[in-house]
Amino acid sequence: MPPSPRKPRPQRVLTVQSTERLGPHLVRLVLTGESLADFGAQESTDAYVKLLFVDPALGLEPPFDLAELRESLPGDQQPVTRTYTVRAIDRDALRLTLDVVTHGDTGYAGPWAQQATVGDVAVVMGPGGGYAPRADVGWHLFAGDLSALPAIAASLEALPAETKGVVLIEVELEEDVLELTAPVGVEVRWLVNPDIADVEFLARAVDAVAWPQGLSEETVQVFAHGERESIKCVRVVLKRREVPRAAISISGYWARGRTEDAFQAEKKTPIGTIED
């Protein structure tokens, strides 16, 4: 029998409640709407949603019939999704906070986030997710770039006060640095890398960390997410240091020079794979 068609994700039609420029490459959006009341009970600190964009020239009102649109529209008007990690969710107040990375006027979500005003409509699908820091692990390593920052920040806020560890966040500019809330024993290091072609930059920082003795999934937990080629280099370091695979959450959130559509399509090909 052929596989059953995938059930379409529900669309949450939200409105922009506030916007805030956090730095040269990061915009915070607070979205609100009644559909957030059942946003999901999962406790993942890497929860993510997909922002859905439909050509405004079509004059359509959300929610959209995506199957019909994909069948009827030409390629240049197809619906587009962009994935973003949830910074915070307040179901009681019906507020969803997203921190969106921006790089100029190219793409969909970045320019939209930069130009969004209070009252604008946003269509969101999700959440998904699968990681949360283990409270019974005493030492944590977080490594990533601005795309991983929402998940890292949410994870730090969920850690027990006695937790120890290190956070490594790669940014392009000093102005990208933000204040984060973390346990006293967790050191937050912002790493400024103006050379975006240096994909080994973050991996070298991971390798230079003073790792604890006796690495096991009971003693160490690693969260490493960000630009795909950079994270591949981090994976090499973790293998060499014999960090158990069960203690690692790792993936590429994006790939330099790729749209999200191309990035997602490459996930099942050799170039898109981060080796276990």
Protein backbone atom coordinates (compact mmCIF):
# COMPACT_ATOMS: atom_id res chain seq x y z
CA MET A 1 0.00 0.00 0.00
CA PRO A 2 1.25 3.52 -0.71
CA PRO A 3 2.07 5.59 2.39
CA SER A 4 -0.70 7.74 3.75
CA PRO A 5 -0.36 11.40 2.80
CA ARG A 6 1.16 13.55 5.52
CA LYS A 7 -1.45 15.36 7.54
CA PRO A 8 -1.14 19.10 6.89
CA ARG A 9 0.17 21.14 9.79
CA PRO A 10 -2.42 23.43 11.37
CA GLN A 11 -1.97 27.11 10.53
CA ARG A 12 -2.04 29.61 13.37
CA VAL A 13 -3.06 33.06 12.20
CA LEU A 14 -1.33 35.52 14.52
CA THR A 15 -0.75 39.25 14.65
CA VAL A 16 2.38 41.19 15.49
CA GLN A 17 2.12 42.61 19.00
CA SER A 18 5.56 44.22 19.14
CA THR A 19 8.91 44.38 17.36
CA GLU A 20 12.38 45.14 18.73
CA ARG A 21 15.78 45.43 17.07
CA LEU A 22 18.14 43.46 19.35
CA GLY A 23 21.24 44.03 17.24
CA PRO A 24 22.41 44.53 13.68
CA HIS A 25 21.43 40.96 12.74
CA LEU A 26 18.54 40.12 15.06
CA VAL A 27 14.92 41.27 15.31
CA ARG A 28 12.55 40.15 18.07
CA LEU A 29 8.90 39.68 17.14
CA VAL A 30 6.14 39.07 19.66
CA LEU A 31 3.11 37.47 18.02
CA THR A 32 -0.30 36.96 19.59
CA GLY A 33 -3.48 35.07 18.80
CA GLU A 34 -6.11 32.80 20.35
CA SER A 35 -4.66 29.72 18.61
CA LEU A 36 -1.60 29.89 20.89
CA ALA A 37 -3.68 28.53 23.78
CA ASP A 38 -3.01 24.98 22.51
CA PHE A 39 0.47 25.67 21.13
CA GLY A 40 1.68 22.36 22.56
CA ALA A 41 2.64 20.94 25.90
CA GLN A 42 6.12 19.82 24.88
CA GLU A 43 8.99 21.04 27.02
CA SER A 44 11.57 21.21 24.23
CA THR A 45 13.82 24.24 24.53
CA ASP A 46 14.60 23.94 20.82
CA ALA A 47 10.93 24.19 19.79
CA TYR A 48 10.54 25.62 16.32
CA VAL A 49 7.82 26.91 14.02
CA LYS A 50 7.52 27.53 10.32
CA LEU A 51 6.53 30.98 9.11
CA LEU A 52 4.35 30.68 6.02
CA PHE A 53 4.54 33.26 3.24
CA VAL A 54 2.03 33.50 0.38
CA ASP A 55 2.41 36.10 -2.37
CA PRO A 56 0.38 39.13 -1.19
CA ALA A 57 -0.43 39.91 -4.83
CA LEU A 58 -2.84 36.96 -4.75
CA GLY A 59 -5.05 38.83 -2.27
CA LEU A 60 -5.75 35.69 -0.21
CA GLU A 61 -6.78 35.62 3.44
CA PRO A 62 -5.25 33.02 5.79
CA PRO A 63 -5.52 30.21 6.62
CA PHE A 64 -4.55 29.02 3.16
CA ASP A 65 -5.40 25.86 1.23
CA LEU A 66 -1.77 24.93 0.61
CA ALA A 67 -2.52 21.80 -1.39
CA GLU A 68 -4.66 23.77 -3.82
CA LEU A 69 -2.11 26.60 -4.08
CA ARG A 70 0.76 24.21 -4.77
CA GLU A 71 -1.30 22.54 -7.46
CA SER A 72 -2.49 25.69 -9.17
CA LEU A 73 0.23 28.33 -8.82
CA PRO A 74 3.32 28.75 -11.02
CA GLY A 75 6.74 28.17 -9.49
CA ASP A 76 7.46 31.81 -8.73
CA GLN A 77 4.25 32.16 -6.69
CA GLN A 78 4.46 28.97 -4.66
CA PRO A 79 3.95 29.28 -0.87
CA VAL A 80 7.24 29.54 1.03
CA THR A 81 8.07 28.45 4.58
CA ARG A 82 10.95 29.55 6.78
CA THR A 83 11.90 27.78 10.03
CA TYR A 84 12.59 29.64 13.27
CA THR A 85 13.32 28.49 16.81
CA VAL A 86 10.93 29.70 19.48
CA ARG A 87 12.53 32.10 21.94
CA ALA A 88 9.59 31.96 24.36
CA ILE A 89 5.97 30.90 24.52
CA ASP A 90 3.43 32.20 27.04
CA ARG A 91 0.24 30.24 26.46
CA ASP A 92 -1.70 32.06 29.18
CA ALA A 93 -0.87 35.48 27.72
CA LEU A 94 -1.15 34.12 24.15
CA ARG A 95 2.32 35.38 23.21
CA LEU A 96 4.90 33.74 20.96
CA THR A 97 8.36 35.32 20.80
CA LEU A 98 10.64 34.76 17.82
CA ASP A 99 14.15 36.15 17.36
CA VAL A 100 14.70 36.38 13.59
CA VAL A 101 18.18 36.60 12.07
CA THR A 102 18.38 39.23 9.33
CA HIS A 103 20.95 39.83 6.59
CA GLY A 104 19.88 42.75 4.44
CA ASP A 105 16.97 42.82 2.05
CA THR A 106 17.26 39.34 0.52
CA GLY A 107 14.98 36.42 1.28
CA TYR A 108 11.53 36.31 2.84
CA ALA A 109 11.48 36.17 6.64
CA GLY A 110 14.39 38.53 7.31
CA PRO A 111 13.05 41.47 5.30
CA TRP A 112 9.55 40.78 6.58
CA ALA A 113 10.75 40.84 10.19
CA GLN A 114 12.67 44.07 9.63
CA GLN A 115 9.62 45.79 8.16
CA ALA A 116 6.92 44.25 10.38
CA THR A 117 4.68 46.64 12.30
CA VAL A 118 2.14 46.14 15.07
CA GLY A 119 -1.01 44.55 13.70
CA ASP A 120 0.62 42.78 10.75
CA VAL A 121 -0.57 39.22 10.18
CA ALA A 122 1.77 36.23 10.51
CA VAL A 123 0.89 32.64 9.66
CA VAL A 124 2.73 30.07 11.77
CA MET A 125 2.80 26.28 11.63
CA GLY A 126 4.08 24.10 14.48
CA PRO A 127 5.63 23.61 16.94
CA GLY A 128 8.20 20.88 16.49
CA GLY A 129 11.30 20.17 18.55
CA GLY A 130 13.09 17.43 20.43
CA TYR A 131 15.83 18.73 22.76
CA ALA A 132 15.85 19.89 26.36
CA PRO A 133 18.85 20.08 28.71
CA ARG A 134 18.91 17.22 31.19
CA ALA A 135 18.73 18.41 34.78
CA ASP A 136 20.68 15.36 35.98
CA VAL A 137 23.73 16.15 33.84
CA GLY A 138 26.23 18.35 35.60
CA TRP A 139 28.15 19.83 32.65
CA HIS A 140 26.73 21.24 29.43
CA LEU A 141 28.30 22.62 26.26
CA PHE A 142 26.30 24.86 23.93
CA ALA A 143 27.80 25.87 20.59
CA GLY A 144 26.20 27.76 17.74
CA ASP A 145 25.62 31.03 15.94
CA LEU A 146 22.76 33.55 16.04
CA SER A 147 20.39 31.04 14.44
CA ALA A 148 20.86 28.80 17.50
CA LEU A 149 20.70 31.64 20.02
CA PRO A 150 16.95 31.36 20.79
CA ALA A 151 17.30 27.67 21.65
CA ILE A 152 20.49 28.25 23.62
CA ALA A 153 18.98 31.14 25.59
CA ALA A 154 15.82 29.14 26.37
CA SER A 155 17.94 26.16 27.43
CA LEU A 156 20.09 28.25 29.76
CA GLU A 157 16.99 29.58 31.47
CA ALA A 158 15.77 26.01 32.02
CA LEU A 159 18.97 24.75 33.68
CA PRO A 160 19.20 24.12 37.43
CA ALA A 161 21.11 26.82 39.33
CA GLU A 162 23.98 24.45 40.17
CA THR A 163 24.71 23.50 36.54
CA LYS A 164 28.19 23.98 35.14
CA GLY A 165 29.25 24.36 31.54
CA VAL A 166 30.31 26.57 28.66
CA VAL A 167 28.40 28.48 25.98
CA LEU A 168 30.10 29.38 22.68
CA ILE A 169 28.20 31.74 20.38
CA GLU A 170 29.76 32.78 17.08
CA VAL A 171 28.80 36.24 15.76
CA GLU A 172 30.04 38.56 13.04
CA LEU A 173 30.16 41.81 15.06
CA GLU A 174 30.67 42.97 18.63
CA GLU A 175 27.27 44.68 18.31
CA ASP A 176 25.65 41.24 18.00
CA VAL A 177 26.51 40.42 21.63
CA LEU A 178 23.53 40.24 24.01
CA GLU A 179 23.07 39.74 27.73
CA LEU A 180 21.96 36.19 28.55
CA THR A 181 20.62 34.68 31.76
CA ALA A 182 22.61 31.61 32.80
CA PRO A 183 23.55 29.71 35.96
CA VAL A 184 26.60 31.13 37.75
CA GLY A 185 28.64 28.06 36.84
CA VAL A 186 27.96 28.33 33.11
CA GLU A 187 30.43 30.56 31.27
CA VAL A 188 29.03 32.42 28.26
CA ARG A 189 31.62 33.25 25.60
CA TRP A 190 30.74 35.41 22.61
CA LEU A 191 33.14 34.73 19.75
CA VAL A 192 33.43 37.44 17.11
CA ASN A 193 34.38 36.02 13.72
CA PRO A 194 34.49 38.64 10.94
CA ASP A 195 35.75 36.00 8.46
CA ILE A 196 32.57 34.13 7.50
CA ALA A 197 34.59 31.87 5.21
CA ASP A 198 36.37 30.37 8.25
CA VAL A 199 34.03 27.43 8.89
CA GLU A 200 36.41 25.89 11.45
CA PHE A 201 36.23 28.92 13.76
CA LEU A 202 33.59 27.51 16.10
CA ALA A 203 35.10 24.01 16.06
CA ARG A 204 38.46 25.37 17.24
CA ALA A 205 36.72 27.06 20.15
CA VAL A 206 34.92 23.82 21.03
CA ASP A 207 38.22 21.93 20.93
CA ALA A 208 39.87 24.51 23.21
CA VAL A 209 37.28 24.15 25.97
CA ALA A 210 38.50 22.61 29.23
CA TRP A 211 36.46 19.44 28.98
CA PRO A 212 35.65 17.52 32.16
CA GLN A 213 37.11 14.09 32.80
CA GLY A 214 35.12 10.93 32.17
CA LEU A 215 32.88 11.93 29.26
CA SER A 216 29.66 9.92 29.23
CA GLU A 217 26.00 10.58 28.57
CA GLU A 218 25.50 10.69 32.35
CA THR A 219 28.09 13.44 32.87
CA VAL A 220 28.01 15.64 29.73
CA GLN A 221 25.39 16.97 27.32
CA VAL A 222 26.21 18.89 24.12
CA PHE A 223 23.94 21.12 22.03
CA ALA A 224 25.60 22.18 18.77
CA HIS A 225 23.52 23.80 16.02
CA GLY A 226 24.08 26.49 13.42
CA GLU A 227 25.54 26.89 9.92
CA ARG A 228 25.88 23.45 8.35
CA GLU A 229 29.56 23.44 7.35
CA SER A 230 30.56 24.94 10.69
CA ILE A 231 28.63 22.27 12.57
CA LYS A 232 30.23 19.54 10.47
CA CYS A 233 33.59 20.75 11.77
CA VAL A 234 32.27 20.73 15.34
CA ARG A 235 31.15 17.12 14.84
CA VAL A 236 34.71 16.15 13.91
CA VAL A 237 35.97 17.60 17.20
CA LEU A 238 33.30 15.82 19.24
CA LYS A 239 34.21 12.53 17.59
CA ARG A 240 37.90 13.02 18.28
CA ARG A 241 37.16 13.80 21.91
CA GLU A 242 34.97 10.67 22.07
CA VAL A 243 31.87 12.45 23.30
CA PRO A 244 29.14 9.78 23.27
CA ARG A 245 26.65 10.23 20.44
CA ALA A 246 23.76 9.83 22.88
CA ALA A 247 25.01 12.93 24.73
CA ILE A 248 24.87 15.15 21.63
CA SER A 249 22.13 17.17 19.97
CA ILE A 250 23.56 18.39 16.68
CA SER A 251 22.30 19.66 13.33
CA GLY A 252 22.70 22.35 10.71
CA TYR A 253 20.01 25.03 10.99
CA TRP A 254 21.01 26.64 7.69
CA ALA A 255 23.70 26.58 5.00
CA ARG A 256 25.61 29.57 3.72
CA GLY A 257 24.75 30.38 0.10
CA ARG A 258 21.55 28.30 0.18
CA THR A 259 17.91 29.29 0.46
CA GLU A 260 15.97 27.26 3.00
CA ASP A 261 14.28 25.39 0.15
CA ALA A 262 17.64 24.29 -1.26
CA PHE A 263 18.98 23.59 2.24
CA GLN A 264 16.03 21.33 3.09
CA ALA A 265 16.30 19.52 -0.24
CA GLU A 266 19.99 18.77 0.43
CA LYS A 267 19.36 17.21 3.85
CA LYS A 268 19.03 13.73 2.32
CA THR A 269 22.13 14.09 0.16
CA PRO A 270 25.78 13.63 1.19
CA ILE A 271 26.46 17.39 1.29
CA GLY A 272 23.53 17.93 3.64
CA THR A 273 24.44 15.19 6.10
CA ILE A 274 26.24 15.70 9.40
CA GLU A 275 27.85 12.33 10.09
CA ASP A 276 27.03 10.44 13.24
